[in-house]
């Protein structure tokens, strides 16, 4: 399929030089680049999201705190000031 694409002049010149170095048509260089980009995008979509790394520390409730009774918890907090 034929199409027209506008690219910056400096990119076009660099691509033409690279195609000449590889002794292949510019069309082949562009096709390979598009295929590589699309393959990477597909691989990123298939990749598992990074696992959550949980960080835990020793702790717990201070002695004398009763979280089941809201009034008692507030009273304990007031006495800690």
PDB file of N, CA and C in Angstrom:
ATOM      1  N   UNK A   1       0.844  -1.162   0.000  1.00  0.00           N
ATOM      2  CA  UNK A   1       0.000   0.000   0.000  1.00  0.00           C
ATOM      3  C   UNK A   1       0.896   1.233   0.000  1.00  0.00           C
ATOM      4  N   UNK A   2       0.519   2.197  -0.743  1.00  0.00           N
ATOM      5  CA  UNK A   2       1.273   3.443  -0.788  1.00  0.00           C
ATOM      6  C   UNK A   2       0.600   4.457   0.119  1.00  0.00           C
ATOM      7  N   UNK A   3       1.434   5.279   0.741  1.00  0.00           N
ATOM      8  CA  UNK A   3       0.921   6.361   1.576  1.00  0.00           C
ATOM      9  C   UNK A   3       1.936   7.486   1.588  1.00  0.00           C
ATOM     10  N   UNK A   4       1.514   8.638   2.002  1.00  0.00           N
ATOM     11  CA  UNK A   4       2.407   9.787   2.121  1.00  0.00           C
ATOM     12  C   UNK A   4       2.529  10.138   3.583  1.00  0.00           C
ATOM     13  N   UNK A   5       3.753  10.295   4.022  1.00  0.00           N
ATOM     14  CA  UNK A   5       4.024  10.638   5.415  1.00  0.00           C
ATOM     15  C   UNK A   5       4.995  11.806   5.432  1.00  0.00           C
ATOM     16  N   UNK A   6       4.708  12.783   6.255  1.00  0.00           N
ATOM     17  CA  UNK A   6       5.635  13.907   6.401  1.00  0.00           C
ATOM     18  C   UNK A   6       6.521  13.667   7.615  1.00  0.00           C
ATOM     19  N   UNK A   7       7.838  13.733   7.396  1.00  0.00           N
ATOM     20  CA  UNK A   7       8.784  13.605   8.498  1.00  0.00           C
ATOM     21  C   UNK A   7       9.769  14.767   8.403  1.00  0.00           C
ATOM     22  N   UNK A   8      10.402  15.112   9.508  1.00  0.00           N
ATOM     23  CA  UNK A   8      11.370  16.215   9.476  1.00  0.00           C
ATOM     24  C   UNK A   8      12.522  15.907   8.516  1.00  0.00           C
ATOM     25  N   UNK A   9      13.042  16.956   7.906  1.00  0.00           N
ATOM     26  CA  UNK A   9      14.123  16.795   6.927  1.00  0.00           C
ATOM     27  C   UNK A   9      15.334  16.075   7.494  1.00  0.00           C
ATOM     28  N   UNK A  10      15.735  16.438   8.712  1.00  0.00           N
ATOM     29  CA  UNK A  10      16.933  15.817   9.289  1.00  0.00           C
ATOM     30  C   UNK A  10      16.735  14.311   9.509  1.00  0.00           C
ATOM     31  N   UNK A  11      15.521  13.907   9.894  1.00  0.00           N
ATOM     32  CA  UNK A  11      15.234  12.486  10.076  1.00  0.00           C
ATOM     33  C   UNK A  11      15.248  11.764   8.731  1.00  0.00           C
ATOM     34  N   UNK A  12      14.705  12.391   7.706  1.00  0.00           N
ATOM     35  CA  UNK A  12      14.696  11.794   6.371  1.00  0.00           C
ATOM     36  C   UNK A  12      16.118  11.592   5.853  1.00  0.00           C
ATOM     37  N   UNK A  13      16.959  12.596   6.022  1.00  0.00           N
ATOM     38  CA  UNK A  13      18.344  12.504   5.554  1.00  0.00           C
ATOM     39  C   UNK A  13      19.088  11.397   6.286  1.00  0.00           C
ATOM     40  N   UNK A  14      18.899  11.339   7.619  1.00  0.00           N
ATOM     41  CA  UNK A  14      19.570  10.294   8.402  1.00  0.00           C
ATOM     42  C   UNK A  14      19.073   8.909   7.988  1.00  0.00           C
ATOM     43  N   UNK A  15      17.779   8.780   7.727  1.00  0.00           N
ATOM     44  CA  UNK A  15      17.225   7.490   7.310  1.00  0.00           C
ATOM     45  C   UNK A  15      17.758   7.086   5.937  1.00  0.00           C
ATOM     46  N   UNK A  16      17.831   8.030   5.014  1.00  0.00           N
ATOM     47  CA  UNK A  16      18.375   7.731   3.679  1.00  0.00           C
ATOM     48  C   UNK A  16      19.833   7.274   3.783  1.00  0.00           C
ATOM     49  N   UNK A  17      20.616   7.949   4.622  1.00  0.00           N
ATOM     50  CA  UNK A  17      22.021   7.550   4.807  1.00  0.00           C
ATOM     51  C   UNK A  17      22.118   6.149   5.376  1.00  0.00           C
ATOM     52  N   UNK A  18      21.275   5.864   6.377  1.00  0.00           N
ATOM     53  CA  UNK A  18      21.323   4.543   7.002  1.00  0.00           C
ATOM     54  C   UNK A  18      20.910   3.460   6.005  1.00  0.00           C
ATOM     55  N   UNK A  19      19.894   3.727   5.228  1.00  0.00           N
ATOM     56  CA  UNK A  19      19.459   2.761   4.214  1.00  0.00           C
ATOM     57  C   UNK A  19      20.578   2.520   3.196  1.00  0.00           C
ATOM     58  N   UNK A  20      21.292   3.574   2.818  1.00  0.00           N
ATOM     59  CA  UNK A  20      22.403   3.422   1.868  1.00  0.00           C
ATOM     60  C   UNK A  20      23.524   2.590   2.488  1.00  0.00           C
ATOM     61  N   UNK A  21      23.819   2.826   3.781  1.00  0.00           N
ATOM     62  CA  UNK A  21      24.848   2.033   4.459  1.00  0.00           C
ATOM     63  C   UNK A  21      24.482   0.551   4.465  1.00  0.00           C
ATOM     64  N   UNK A  22      23.188   0.274   4.647  1.00  0.00           N
ATOM     65  CA  UNK A  22      22.716  -1.116   4.696  1.00  0.00           C
ATOM     66  C   UNK A  22      22.451  -1.685   3.302  1.00  0.00           C
ATOM     67  N   UNK A  23      22.585  -0.828   2.292  1.00  0.00           N
ATOM     68  CA  UNK A  23      22.335  -1.212   0.901  1.00  0.00           C
ATOM     69  C   UNK A  23      20.946  -1.817   0.740  1.00  0.00           C
ATOM     70  N   UNK A  24      19.972  -1.081   1.250  1.00  0.00           N
ATOM     71  CA  UNK A  24      18.589  -1.498   1.120  1.00  0.00           C
ATOM     72  C   UNK A  24      17.727  -0.268   0.841  1.00  0.00           C
ATOM     73  N   UNK A  25      16.552  -0.460   0.304  1.00  0.00           N
ATOM     74  CA  UNK A  25      15.691   0.694   0.036  1.00  0.00           C
ATOM     75  C   UNK A  25      15.200   1.330   1.344  1.00  0.00           C
ATOM     76  N   UNK A  26      14.929   2.595   1.267  1.00  0.00           N
ATOM     77  CA  UNK A  26      14.406   3.314   2.433  1.00  0.00           C
ATOM     78  C   UNK A  26      13.118   2.651   2.918  1.00  0.00           C
ATOM     79  N   UNK A  27      12.304   2.167   1.978  1.00  0.00           N
ATOM     80  CA  UNK A  27      11.056   1.488   2.309  1.00  0.00           C
ATOM     81  C   UNK A  27      11.302   0.322   3.278  1.00  0.00           C
ATOM     82  N   UNK A  28      12.351  -0.467   3.054  1.00  0.00           N
ATOM     83  CA  UNK A  28      12.651  -1.615   3.918  1.00  0.00           C
ATOM     84  C   UNK A  28      13.053  -1.159   5.312  1.00  0.00           C
ATOM     85  N   UNK A  29      13.837  -0.091   5.395  1.00  0.00           N
ATOM     86  CA  UNK A  29      14.252   0.447   6.695  1.00  0.00           C
ATOM     87  C   UNK A  29      13.038   0.937   7.486  1.00  0.00           C
ATOM     88  N   UNK A  30      12.156   1.654   6.819  1.00  0.00           N
ATOM     89  CA  UNK A  30      10.961   2.175   7.483  1.00  0.00           C
ATOM     90  C   UNK A  30      10.049   1.031   7.918  1.00  0.00           C
ATOM     91  N   UNK A  31       9.875   0.037   7.051  1.00  0.00           N
ATOM     92  CA  UNK A  31       9.020  -1.102   7.393  1.00  0.00           C
ATOM     93  C   UNK A  31       9.558  -1.840   8.618  1.00  0.00           C
ATOM     94  N   UNK A  32      10.870  -2.084   8.646  1.00  0.00           N
ATOM     95  CA  UNK A  32      11.470  -2.782   9.776  1.00  0.00           C
ATOM     96  C   UNK A  32      11.294  -1.984  11.067  1.00  0.00           C
ATOM     97  N   UNK A  33      11.468  -0.667  10.971  1.00  0.00           N
ATOM     98  CA  UNK A  33      11.306   0.181  12.147  1.00  0.00           C
ATOM     99  C   UNK A  33       9.883   0.173  12.676  1.00  0.00           C
ATOM    100  N   UNK A  34       8.908   0.240  11.772  1.00  0.00           N
ATOM    101  CA  UNK A  34       7.506   0.196  12.199  1.00  0.00           C
ATOM    102  C   UNK A  34       7.161  -1.146  12.828  1.00  0.00           C
ATOM    103  N   UNK A  35       7.640  -2.220  12.221  1.00  0.00           N
ATOM    104  CA  UNK A  35       7.362  -3.545  12.793  1.00  0.00           C
ATOM    105  C   UNK A  35       7.978  -3.691  14.182  1.00  0.00           C
ATOM    106  N   UNK A  36       9.185  -3.196  14.355  1.00  0.00           N
ATOM    107  CA  UNK A  36       9.840  -3.276  15.666  1.00  0.00           C
ATOM    108  C   UNK A  36       9.070  -2.465  16.706  1.00  0.00           C
ATOM    109  N   UNK A  37       8.638  -1.269  16.351  1.00  0.00           N
ATOM    110  CA  UNK A  37       7.887  -0.426  17.273  1.00  0.00           C
ATOM    111  C   UNK A  37       6.565  -1.076  17.665  1.00  0.00           C
ATOM    112  N   UNK A  38       5.853  -1.623  16.681  1.00  0.00           N
ATOM    113  CA  UNK A  38       4.579  -2.266  16.972  1.00  0.00           C
ATOM    114  C   UNK A  38       4.760  -3.526  17.814  1.00  0.00           C
ATOM    115  N   UNK A  39       5.828  -4.265  17.593  1.00  0.00           N
ATOM    116  CA  UNK A  39       6.100  -5.462  18.394  1.00  0.00           C
ATOM    117  C   UNK A  39       6.398  -5.079  19.837  1.00  0.00           C
ATOM    118  N   UNK A  40       7.169  -4.012  20.034  1.00  0.00           N
ATOM    119  CA  UNK A  40       7.465  -3.561  21.398  1.00  0.00           C
ATOM    120  C   UNK A  40       6.208  -3.110  22.102  1.00  0.00           C
ATOM    121  N   UNK A  41       5.336  -2.400  21.404  1.00  0.00           N
ATOM    122  CA  UNK A  41       4.090  -1.933  22.015  1.00  0.00           C
ATOM    123  C   UNK A  41       3.228  -3.120  22.424  1.00  0.00           C
ATOM    124  N   UNK A  42       3.165  -4.146  21.579  1.00  0.00           N
ATOM    125  CA  UNK A  42       2.382  -5.338  21.902  1.00  0.00           C
ATOM    126  C   UNK A  42       2.986  -6.063  23.099  1.00  0.00           C
ATOM    127  N   UNK A  43       4.305  -6.129  23.162  1.00  0.00           N
ATOM    128  CA  UNK A  43       4.970  -6.797  24.282  1.00  0.00           C
ATOM    129  C   UNK A  43       4.706  -6.047  25.587  1.00  0.00           C
ATOM    130  N   UNK A  44       4.691  -4.717  25.534  1.00  0.00           N
ATOM    131  CA  UNK A  44       4.405  -3.937  26.744  1.00  0.00           C
ATOM    132  C   UNK A  44       2.981  -4.187  27.230  1.00  0.00           C
ATOM    133  N   UNK A  45       2.048  -4.347  26.298  1.00  0.00           N
ATOM    134  CA  UNK A  45       0.657  -4.615  26.682  1.00  0.00           C
ATOM    135  C   UNK A  45       0.515  -5.994  27.307  1.00  0.00           C
ATOM    136  N   UNK A  46       1.319  -6.964  26.836  1.00  0.00           N
ATOM    137  CA  UNK A  46       1.242  -8.328  27.360  1.00  0.00           C
ATOM    138  C   UNK A  46       1.993  -8.491  28.671  1.00  0.00           C
ATOM    139  N   UNK A  47       2.913  -7.598  28.956  1.00  0.00           N
ATOM    140  CA  UNK A  47       3.750  -7.747  30.145  1.00  0.00           C
ATOM    141  C   UNK A  47       2.901  -7.632  31.411  1.00  0.00           C
ATOM    142  N   UNK A  48       3.263  -8.441  32.403  1.00  0.00           N
ATOM    143  CA  UNK A  48       2.566  -8.375  33.683  1.00  0.00           C
ATOM    144  C   UNK A  48       2.931  -7.080  34.386  1.00  0.00           C
ATOM    145  N   UNK A  49       1.978  -6.464  35.047  1.00  0.00           N
ATOM    146  CA  UNK A  49       2.327  -5.270  35.814  1.00  0.00           C
ATOM    147  C   UNK A  49       3.271  -5.658  36.951  1.00  0.00           C
ATOM    148  N   UNK A  50       4.113  -4.749  37.384  1.00  0.00           N
ATOM    149  CA  UNK A  50       5.045  -5.090  38.455  1.00  0.00           C
ATOM    150  C   UNK A  50       4.287  -5.461  39.728  1.00  0.00           C
ATOM    151  N   UNK A  51       4.831  -6.424  40.428  1.00  0.00           N
ATOM    152  CA  UNK A  51       4.211  -6.868  41.676  1.00  0.00           C
ATOM    153  C   UNK A  51       4.364  -5.785  42.742  1.00  0.00           C
ATOM    154  N   UNK A  52       3.374  -5.703  43.586  1.00  0.00           N
ATOM    155  CA  UNK A  52       3.443  -4.744  44.696  1.00  0.00           C
ATOM    156  C   UNK A  52       4.396  -5.309  45.743  1.00  0.00           C
ATOM    157  N   UNK A  53       5.332  -4.507  46.144  1.00  0.00           N
ATOM    158  CA  UNK A  53       6.272  -4.937  47.177  1.00  0.00           C
ATOM    159  C   UNK A  53       5.802  -4.317  48.489  1.00  0.00           C
ATOM    160  N   UNK A  54       5.236  -5.149  49.335  1.00  0.00           N
ATOM    161  CA  UNK A  54       4.712  -4.675  50.600  1.00  0.00           C
ATOM    162  C   UNK A  54       5.846  -4.464  51.583  1.00  0.00           C
ATOM    163  N   UNK A  55       5.807  -3.354  52.278  1.00  0.00           N
ATOM    164  CA  UNK A  55       6.796  -3.058  53.312  1.00  0.00           C
ATOM    165  C   UNK A  55       6.062  -3.074  54.643  1.00  0.00           C
ATOM    166  N   UNK A  56       6.504  -3.936  55.513  1.00  0.00           N
ATOM    167  CA  UNK A  56       5.848  -4.043  56.809  1.00  0.00           C
ATOM    168  C   UNK A  56       6.853  -3.751  57.909  1.00  0.00           C
ATOM    169  N   UNK A  57       6.344  -3.298  59.008  1.00  0.00           N
ATOM    170  CA  UNK A  57       7.177  -3.025  60.173  1.00  0.00           C
ATOM    171  C   UNK A  57       6.487  -3.609  61.397  1.00  0.00           C
ATOM    172  N   UNK A  58       7.292  -3.913  62.384  1.00  0.00           N
ATOM    173  CA  UNK A  58       6.718  -4.399  63.637  1.00  0.00           C
ATOM    174  C   UNK A  58       5.946  -3.256  64.281  1.00  0.00           C
ATOM    175  N   UNK A  59       4.892  -3.567  64.908  1.00  0.00           N
ATOM    176  CA  UNK A  59       4.107  -2.507  65.550  1.00  0.00           C
ATOM    177  C   UNK A  59       2.966  -3.112  66.323  1.00  0.00           C
ATOM    178  N   UNK A  60       1.941  -2.382  66.411  1.00  0.00           N
ATOM    179  CA  UNK A  60       0.765  -2.826  67.146  1.00  0.00           C
ATOM    180  C   UNK A  60       0.214  -1.652  67.935  1.00  0.00           C
ATOM    181  N   UNK A  61      -0.779  -1.938  68.733  1.00  0.00           N
ATOM    182  CA  UNK A  61      -1.389  -0.888  69.545  1.00  0.00           C
ATOM    183  C   UNK A  61      -0.607  -0.698  70.830  1.00  0.00           C
ATOM    184  N   UNK A  62      -0.509   0.538  71.278  1.00  0.00           N
ATOM    185  CA  UNK A  62       0.130   0.768  72.568  1.00  0.00           C
ATOM    186  C   UNK A  62      -0.710   0.138  73.684  1.00  0.00           C
ATOM    187  N   UNK A  63      -0.076  -0.217  74.774  1.00  0.00           N
ATOM    188  CA  UNK A  63      -0.828  -0.790  75.894  1.00  0.00           C
ATOM    189  C   UNK A  63      -1.899   0.200  76.386  1.00  0.00           C
ATOM    190  N   UNK A  64      -3.069  -0.312  76.654  1.00  0.00           N
ATOM    191  CA  UNK A  64      -4.129   0.514  77.199  1.00  0.00           C
ATOM    192  C   UNK A  64      -5.065   1.110  76.176  1.00  0.00           C
ATOM    193  N   UNK A  65      -4.827   0.917  74.899  1.00  0.00           N
ATOM    194  CA  UNK A  65      -5.701   1.466  73.870  1.00  0.00           C
ATOM    195  C   UNK A  65      -6.761   0.425  73.532  1.00  0.00           C
ATOM    196  N   UNK A  66      -8.022   0.830  73.581  1.00  0.00           N
ATOM    197  CA  UNK A  66      -9.130  -0.052  73.239  1.00  0.00           C
ATOM    198  C   UNK A  66      -9.828   0.544  72.018  1.00  0.00           C
ATOM    199  N   UNK A  67      -9.531  -0.001  70.824  1.00  0.00           N
ATOM    200  CA  UNK A  67     -10.091   0.571  69.609  1.00  0.00           C
ATOM    201  C   UNK A  67     -11.539   0.162  69.390  1.00  0.00           C
ATOM    202  N   UNK A  68     -12.042  -0.787  70.174  1.00  0.00           N
ATOM    203  CA  UNK A  68     -13.438  -1.191  70.018  1.00  0.00           C
ATOM    204  C   UNK A  68     -14.381  -0.186  70.678  1.00  0.00           C
ATOM    205  N   UNK A  69     -13.864   0.634  71.570  1.00  0.00           N
ATOM    206  CA  UNK A  69     -14.664   1.667  72.232  1.00  0.00           C
ATOM    207  C   UNK A  69     -14.123   3.029  71.837  1.00  0.00           C
ATOM    208  N   UNK A  70     -14.881   3.732  71.026  1.00  0.00           N
ATOM    209  CA  UNK A  70     -14.436   5.029  70.522  1.00  0.00           C
ATOM    210  C   UNK A  70     -14.177   6.027  71.654  1.00  0.00           C
ATOM    211  N   UNK A  71     -15.057   6.099  72.602  1.00  0.00           N
ATOM    212  CA  UNK A  71     -14.900   7.053  73.706  1.00  0.00           C
ATOM    213  C   UNK A  71     -13.643   6.736  74.516  1.00  0.00           C
ATOM    214  N   UNK A  72     -13.397   5.446  74.754  1.00  0.00           N
ATOM    215  CA  UNK A  72     -12.210   5.048  75.521  1.00  0.00           C
ATOM    216  C   UNK A  72     -10.937   5.384  74.735  1.00  0.00           C
ATOM    217  N   UNK A  73     -10.976   5.212  73.415  1.00  0.00           N
ATOM    218  CA  UNK A  73      -9.807   5.528  72.600  1.00  0.00           C
ATOM    219  C   UNK A  73      -9.521   7.030  72.635  1.00  0.00           C
ATOM    220  N   UNK A  74     -10.563   7.848  72.513  1.00  0.00           N
ATOM    221  CA  UNK A  74     -10.375   9.293  72.577  1.00  0.00           C
ATOM    222  C   UNK A  74      -9.870   9.727  73.953  1.00  0.00           C
ATOM    223  N   UNK A  75     -10.363   9.091  74.961  1.00  0.00           N
ATOM    224  CA  UNK A  75      -9.903   9.407  76.329  1.00  0.00           C
ATOM    225  C   UNK A  75      -8.422   9.073  76.470  1.00  0.00           C
ATOM    226  N   UNK A  76      -8.019   7.931  75.931  1.00  0.00           N
ATOM    227  CA  UNK A  76      -6.603   7.546  75.989  1.00  0.00           C
ATOM    228  C   UNK A  76      -5.749   8.564  75.246  1.00  0.00           C
ATOM    229  N   UNK A  77      -6.230   9.003  74.073  1.00  0.00           N
ATOM    230  CA  UNK A  77      -5.481  10.002  73.291  1.00  0.00           C
ATOM    231  C   UNK A  77      -5.350  11.334  74.039  1.00  0.00           C
ATOM    232  N   UNK A  78      -6.423  11.747  74.693  1.00  0.00           N
ATOM    233  CA  UNK A  78      -6.354  13.009  75.456  1.00  0.00           C
ATOM    234  C   UNK A  78      -5.340  12.926  76.582  1.00  0.00           C
ATOM    235  N   UNK A  79      -5.206  11.783  77.199  1.00  0.00           N
ATOM    236  CA  UNK A  79      -4.244  11.634  78.310  1.00  0.00           C
ATOM    237  C   UNK A  79      -2.811  11.546  77.850  1.00  0.00           C
ATOM    238  N   UNK A  80      -2.601  11.283  76.561  1.00  0.00           N
ATOM    239  CA  UNK A  80      -1.244  11.162  76.026  1.00  0.00           C
ATOM    240  C   UNK A  80      -0.619  12.509  75.699  1.00  0.00           C
ATOM    241  N   UNK A  81      -1.404  13.559  75.690  1.00  0.00           N
ATOM    242  CA  UNK A  81      -0.874  14.876  75.339  1.00  0.00           C
ATOM    243  C   UNK A  81      -0.088  15.469  76.437  1.00  0.00           C
TER     244      UNK A  81
END
